Amino acid sequence: MSVSHAQPGEVIGLLPTAVDPHAGQTVTLVKTASLEVIRLVLPAGKVLAPHHVPGEITVQCLAGRVTLQTARGPCEMSSGQLTFLAGGEEHSVTAHDASALLVMILLAAKG
């Protein structure tokens, strides 16, 4: 099955809802050669192990409460807050409540 990503100019619902066919699921909303946008949905208590991505990222907490752990220490986030990380920066995520995050990754331009 092919994954459908948003097209330029298409409006995207960010919060998981019962009307959304992907409600409660992590889903890639946009993917181009230079940008990836992911709605990351985490149940309370879920821990994402330390990892990194090559490009810079922004992490916006849409709902819930999480801790983003980096080499600089813990970053507590709740609904309505945003942070960014440098490319290659190792980080992990712990969800304290059922949470939804909007993650935007700048990918290396192909060419």
N, C-alpha and C. Protein backbone atom coordinates (compact mmCIF):
# COMPACT_ATOMS: atom_id res chain seq x y z
N MET A 1 0.84 -1.16 0.00
CA MET A 1 0.00 0.00 0.00
C MET A 1 0.90 1.24 0.00
N SER A 2 0.60 2.17 -0.86
CA SER A 2 1.34 3.42 -0.98
C SER A 2 0.89 4.41 0.10
N VAL A 3 1.86 5.12 0.69
CA VAL A 3 1.55 6.12 1.71
C VAL A 3 1.25 7.43 1.00
N SER A 4 0.14 8.06 1.36
CA SER A 4 -0.24 9.33 0.76
C SER A 4 0.26 10.48 1.62
N HIS A 5 1.07 11.36 1.01
CA HIS A 5 1.56 12.54 1.70
C HIS A 5 0.81 13.75 1.17
N ALA A 6 0.78 14.80 1.96
CA ALA A 6 0.10 16.02 1.54
C ALA A 6 0.78 16.62 0.32
N GLN A 7 -0.02 17.30 -0.48
CA GLN A 7 0.46 17.99 -1.67
C GLN A 7 0.59 19.48 -1.37
N PRO A 8 1.41 20.22 -2.10
CA PRO A 8 1.53 21.66 -1.88
C PRO A 8 0.15 22.34 -1.86
N GLY A 9 -0.07 23.18 -0.86
CA GLY A 9 -1.32 23.91 -0.73
C GLY A 9 -2.43 23.15 -0.03
N GLU A 10 -2.23 21.86 0.26
CA GLU A 10 -3.24 21.05 0.93
C GLU A 10 -3.22 21.36 2.43
N VAL A 11 -4.41 21.54 3.01
CA VAL A 11 -4.53 21.79 4.44
C VAL A 11 -4.46 20.46 5.18
N ILE A 12 -3.68 20.42 6.26
CA ILE A 12 -3.45 19.19 7.02
C ILE A 12 -3.94 19.39 8.44
N GLY A 13 -4.75 18.47 8.95
CA GLY A 13 -5.13 18.47 10.36
C GLY A 13 -3.97 17.92 11.18
N LEU A 14 -3.55 18.63 12.21
CA LEU A 14 -2.39 18.21 12.99
C LEU A 14 -2.75 17.30 14.16
N LEU A 15 -3.87 17.56 14.81
CA LEU A 15 -4.22 16.78 15.99
C LEU A 15 -4.92 15.49 15.59
N PRO A 16 -4.54 14.38 16.21
CA PRO A 16 -5.24 13.12 15.92
C PRO A 16 -6.68 13.22 16.41
N THR A 17 -7.64 12.90 15.55
CA THR A 17 -9.05 12.93 15.92
C THR A 17 -9.73 11.66 15.44
N ALA A 18 -10.92 11.42 15.93
CA ALA A 18 -11.67 10.23 15.52
C ALA A 18 -12.01 10.27 14.04
N VAL A 19 -12.10 11.46 13.45
CA VAL A 19 -12.43 11.60 12.03
C VAL A 19 -11.23 11.26 11.15
N ASP A 20 -10.04 11.43 11.70
CA ASP A 20 -8.80 11.17 10.97
C ASP A 20 -8.62 9.66 10.81
N PRO A 21 -8.40 9.17 9.57
CA PRO A 21 -8.21 7.73 9.40
C PRO A 21 -6.95 7.20 10.07
N HIS A 22 -6.02 8.10 10.39
CA HIS A 22 -4.79 7.70 11.07
C HIS A 22 -4.82 8.12 12.54
N ALA A 23 -6.00 8.34 13.10
CA ALA A 23 -6.12 8.81 14.49
C ALA A 23 -5.33 7.90 15.42
N GLY A 24 -4.56 8.53 16.28
CA GLY A 24 -3.78 7.77 17.26
C GLY A 24 -2.54 7.13 16.70
N GLN A 25 -2.23 7.37 15.44
CA GLN A 25 -1.06 6.76 14.82
C GLN A 25 -0.03 7.82 14.46
N THR A 26 1.22 7.43 14.51
CA THR A 26 2.28 8.26 13.98
C THR A 26 2.19 8.19 12.46
N VAL A 27 2.27 9.35 11.82
CA VAL A 27 2.13 9.37 10.36
C VAL A 27 3.02 10.47 9.78
N THR A 28 3.64 10.17 8.63
CA THR A 28 4.39 11.19 7.89
C THR A 28 3.38 11.99 7.09
N LEU A 29 3.30 13.29 7.37
CA LEU A 29 2.33 14.16 6.72
C LEU A 29 2.86 14.71 5.40
N VAL A 30 4.14 15.08 5.39
CA VAL A 30 4.77 15.66 4.20
C VAL A 30 6.15 15.03 4.04
N LYS A 31 6.49 14.69 2.80
CA LYS A 31 7.85 14.22 2.53
C LYS A 31 8.25 14.70 1.15
N THR A 32 9.31 15.51 1.13
CA THR A 32 9.90 15.97 -0.12
C THR A 32 11.39 15.67 -0.07
N ALA A 33 12.12 16.10 -1.09
CA ALA A 33 13.56 15.87 -1.11
C ALA A 33 14.28 16.61 0.02
N SER A 34 13.68 17.70 0.52
CA SER A 34 14.38 18.51 1.52
C SER A 34 13.65 18.65 2.85
N LEU A 35 12.44 18.10 2.99
CA LEU A 35 11.65 18.28 4.20
C LEU A 35 10.81 17.05 4.50
N GLU A 36 10.77 16.69 5.79
CA GLU A 36 9.86 15.63 6.24
C GLU A 36 9.13 16.16 7.47
N VAL A 37 7.80 16.03 7.46
CA VAL A 37 6.96 16.48 8.58
C VAL A 37 6.20 15.26 9.10
N ILE A 38 6.37 14.99 10.39
CA ILE A 38 5.79 13.79 11.01
C ILE A 38 4.93 14.19 12.19
N ARG A 39 3.72 13.61 12.28
CA ARG A 39 2.93 13.72 13.51
C ARG A 39 3.24 12.46 14.31
N LEU A 40 3.94 12.64 15.42
CA LEU A 40 4.38 11.53 16.27
C LEU A 40 3.40 11.41 17.43
N VAL A 41 2.73 10.28 17.53
CA VAL A 41 1.75 10.04 18.58
C VAL A 41 2.32 9.01 19.54
N LEU A 42 2.38 9.37 20.83
CA LEU A 42 2.99 8.51 21.84
C LEU A 42 2.03 8.26 22.99
N PRO A 43 1.83 7.01 23.38
CA PRO A 43 1.02 6.75 24.58
C PRO A 43 1.82 7.12 25.84
N ALA A 44 1.14 7.37 26.92
CA ALA A 44 1.80 7.67 28.19
C ALA A 44 2.78 6.56 28.53
N GLY A 45 3.98 6.95 28.94
CA GLY A 45 5.00 5.99 29.34
C GLY A 45 5.90 5.51 28.22
N LYS A 46 5.57 5.84 26.98
CA LYS A 46 6.39 5.41 25.83
C LYS A 46 7.74 6.15 25.84
N VAL A 47 8.80 5.40 25.57
CA VAL A 47 10.15 5.98 25.49
C VAL A 47 10.72 5.66 24.11
N LEU A 48 11.15 6.70 23.41
CA LEU A 48 11.87 6.50 22.15
C LEU A 48 13.35 6.52 22.49
N ALA A 49 14.05 5.44 22.18
CA ALA A 49 15.47 5.30 22.50
C ALA A 49 16.29 6.39 21.85
N PRO A 50 17.48 6.67 22.39
CA PRO A 50 18.34 7.69 21.79
C PRO A 50 18.58 7.41 20.30
N HIS A 51 18.47 8.47 19.52
CA HIS A 51 18.66 8.39 18.08
C HIS A 51 19.04 9.78 17.57
N HIS A 52 19.35 9.89 16.31
CA HIS A 52 19.64 11.18 15.70
C HIS A 52 19.23 11.15 14.23
N VAL A 53 19.06 12.34 13.67
CA VAL A 53 18.81 12.48 12.24
C VAL A 53 19.87 13.46 11.71
N PRO A 54 20.25 13.33 10.45
CA PRO A 54 21.31 14.19 9.93
C PRO A 54 20.95 15.68 9.89
N GLY A 55 19.70 16.01 9.58
CA GLY A 55 19.31 17.41 9.42
C GLY A 55 18.79 18.03 10.71
N GLU A 56 18.71 19.37 10.69
CA GLU A 56 18.11 20.08 11.82
C GLU A 56 16.64 19.68 11.95
N ILE A 57 16.14 19.70 13.19
CA ILE A 57 14.74 19.35 13.40
C ILE A 57 14.09 20.35 14.36
N THR A 58 12.78 20.50 14.18
CA THR A 58 11.98 21.20 15.18
C THR A 58 11.03 20.17 15.76
N VAL A 59 10.73 20.33 17.04
CA VAL A 59 9.78 19.46 17.73
C VAL A 59 8.78 20.37 18.42
N GLN A 60 7.51 20.24 18.04
CA GLN A 60 6.45 21.03 18.66
C GLN A 60 5.51 20.07 19.37
N CYS A 61 5.23 20.35 20.63
CA CYS A 61 4.29 19.53 21.39
C CYS A 61 2.88 20.05 21.10
N LEU A 62 2.08 19.22 20.44
CA LEU A 62 0.70 19.58 20.11
C LEU A 62 -0.24 19.27 21.26
N ALA A 63 0.03 18.18 21.96
CA ALA A 63 -0.82 17.75 23.07
C ALA A 63 0.00 16.88 24.00
N GLY A 64 -0.33 16.90 25.28
CA GLY A 64 0.35 16.05 26.24
C GLY A 64 1.56 16.71 26.87
N ARG A 65 2.46 15.84 27.35
CA ARG A 65 3.66 16.31 28.06
C ARG A 65 4.76 15.29 27.85
N VAL A 66 5.94 15.76 27.39
CA VAL A 66 7.07 14.89 27.10
C VAL A 66 8.36 15.49 27.63
N THR A 67 9.38 14.64 27.74
CA THR A 67 10.73 15.10 28.01
C THR A 67 11.58 14.71 26.81
N LEU A 68 12.24 15.71 26.23
CA LEU A 68 13.20 15.51 25.16
C LEU A 68 14.57 15.56 25.83
N GLN A 69 15.29 14.44 25.82
CA GLN A 69 16.60 14.37 26.47
C GLN A 69 17.68 14.56 25.44
N THR A 70 18.59 15.51 25.68
CA THR A 70 19.71 15.76 24.79
C THR A 70 20.99 15.78 25.62
N ALA A 71 22.12 15.97 24.97
CA ALA A 71 23.40 16.05 25.67
C ALA A 71 23.41 17.24 26.63
N ARG A 72 22.61 18.27 26.36
CA ARG A 72 22.54 19.44 27.24
C ARG A 72 21.66 19.19 28.46
N GLY A 73 20.93 18.07 28.47
CA GLY A 73 20.05 17.76 29.58
C GLY A 73 18.61 17.63 29.13
N PRO A 74 17.70 17.49 30.09
CA PRO A 74 16.29 17.29 29.75
C PRO A 74 15.61 18.59 29.34
N CYS A 75 14.70 18.48 28.38
CA CYS A 75 13.88 19.60 27.93
C CYS A 75 12.43 19.17 28.11
N GLU A 76 11.77 19.72 29.13
CA GLU A 76 10.37 19.39 29.41
C GLU A 76 9.49 20.19 28.46
N MET A 77 8.57 19.53 27.78
CA MET A 77 7.68 20.20 26.83
C MET A 77 6.24 19.82 27.11
N SER A 78 5.35 20.80 26.92
CA SER A 78 3.92 20.53 27.01
C SER A 78 3.23 21.24 25.85
N SER A 79 1.95 21.01 25.72
CA SER A 79 1.16 21.53 24.61
C SER A 79 1.46 23.00 24.33
N GLY A 80 1.72 23.31 23.06
CA GLY A 80 1.97 24.67 22.64
C GLY A 80 3.43 25.10 22.68
N GLN A 81 4.35 24.19 23.01
CA GLN A 81 5.77 24.55 23.09
C GLN A 81 6.55 23.92 21.94
N LEU A 82 7.65 24.59 21.55
CA LEU A 82 8.48 24.18 20.43
C LEU A 82 9.95 24.31 20.79
N THR A 83 10.76 23.41 20.27
CA THR A 83 12.21 23.53 20.39
C THR A 83 12.83 23.03 19.09
N PHE A 84 14.13 23.24 18.93
CA PHE A 84 14.82 22.71 17.75
C PHE A 84 16.15 22.11 18.17
N LEU A 85 16.62 21.18 17.34
CA LEU A 85 17.89 20.51 17.58
C LEU A 85 18.76 20.62 16.33
N ALA A 86 20.05 20.70 16.55
CA ALA A 86 21.01 20.73 15.45
C ALA A 86 21.03 19.37 14.76
N GLY A 87 21.39 19.36 13.50
CA GLY A 87 21.53 18.11 12.77
C GLY A 87 22.52 17.19 13.44
N GLY A 88 22.19 15.92 13.54
CA GLY A 88 23.08 14.93 14.13
C GLY A 88 23.05 14.88 15.64
N GLU A 89 22.28 15.75 16.28
CA GLU A 89 22.23 15.78 17.74
C GLU A 89 21.43 14.59 18.27
N GLU A 90 22.08 13.78 19.12
CA GLU A 90 21.38 12.62 19.68
C GLU A 90 20.33 13.09 20.69
N HIS A 91 19.18 12.42 20.66
CA HIS A 91 18.10 12.76 21.57
C HIS A 91 17.20 11.54 21.78
N SER A 92 16.46 11.58 22.88
CA SER A 92 15.45 10.56 23.16
C SER A 92 14.20 11.30 23.62
N VAL A 93 13.08 10.59 23.62
CA VAL A 93 11.81 11.20 24.01
C VAL A 93 11.10 10.27 24.98
N THR A 94 10.57 10.84 26.06
CA THR A 94 9.74 10.11 27.01
C THR A 94 8.40 10.82 27.12
N ALA A 95 7.31 10.09 26.88
CA ALA A 95 5.96 10.67 26.99
C ALA A 95 5.45 10.43 28.41
N HIS A 96 5.14 11.51 29.12
CA HIS A 96 4.59 11.39 30.48
C HIS A 96 3.07 11.24 30.43
N ASP A 97 2.45 11.82 29.42
CA ASP A 97 1.02 11.70 29.16
C ASP A 97 0.88 11.21 27.73
N ALA A 98 -0.32 10.80 27.33
CA ALA A 98 -0.57 10.54 25.92
C ALA A 98 -0.26 11.85 25.20
N SER A 99 0.59 11.80 24.18
CA SER A 99 1.11 13.02 23.57
C SER A 99 1.13 12.94 22.05
N ALA A 100 1.08 14.12 21.44
CA ALA A 100 1.24 14.25 19.99
C ALA A 100 2.27 15.33 19.74
N LEU A 101 3.26 15.01 18.91
CA LEU A 101 4.33 15.95 18.57
C LEU A 101 4.33 16.17 17.06
N LEU A 102 4.67 17.38 16.65
CA LEU A 102 4.88 17.67 15.25
C LEU A 102 6.39 17.82 15.06
N VAL A 103 6.98 16.92 14.28
CA VAL A 103 8.42 16.90 14.07
C VAL A 103 8.70 17.28 12.61
N MET A 104 9.52 18.31 12.42
CA MET A 104 9.92 18.73 11.07
C MET A 104 11.42 18.52 10.94
N ILE A 105 11.81 17.78 9.91
CA ILE A 105 13.22 17.44 9.67
C ILE A 105 13.66 18.04 8.36
N LEU A 106 14.72 18.83 8.40
CA LEU A 106 15.32 19.34 7.17
C LEU A 106 16.26 18.26 6.63
N LEU A 107 15.98 17.78 5.46
CA LEU A 107 16.78 16.73 4.85
C LEU A 107 17.81 17.34 3.91
N ALA A 108 18.89 16.63 3.67
CA ALA A 108 19.92 17.12 2.76
C ALA A 108 19.32 17.22 1.36
N ALA A 109 19.59 18.32 0.71
CA ALA A 109 19.14 18.49 -0.67
C ALA A 109 19.84 17.48 -1.55
N LYS A 110 19.09 16.87 -2.46
CA LYS A 110 19.66 15.90 -3.36
C LYS A 110 20.26 16.62 -4.56
N GLY A 111 21.41 16.17 -4.99
CA GLY A 111 21.97 16.81 -6.17
C GLY A 111 23.45 16.75 -6.23
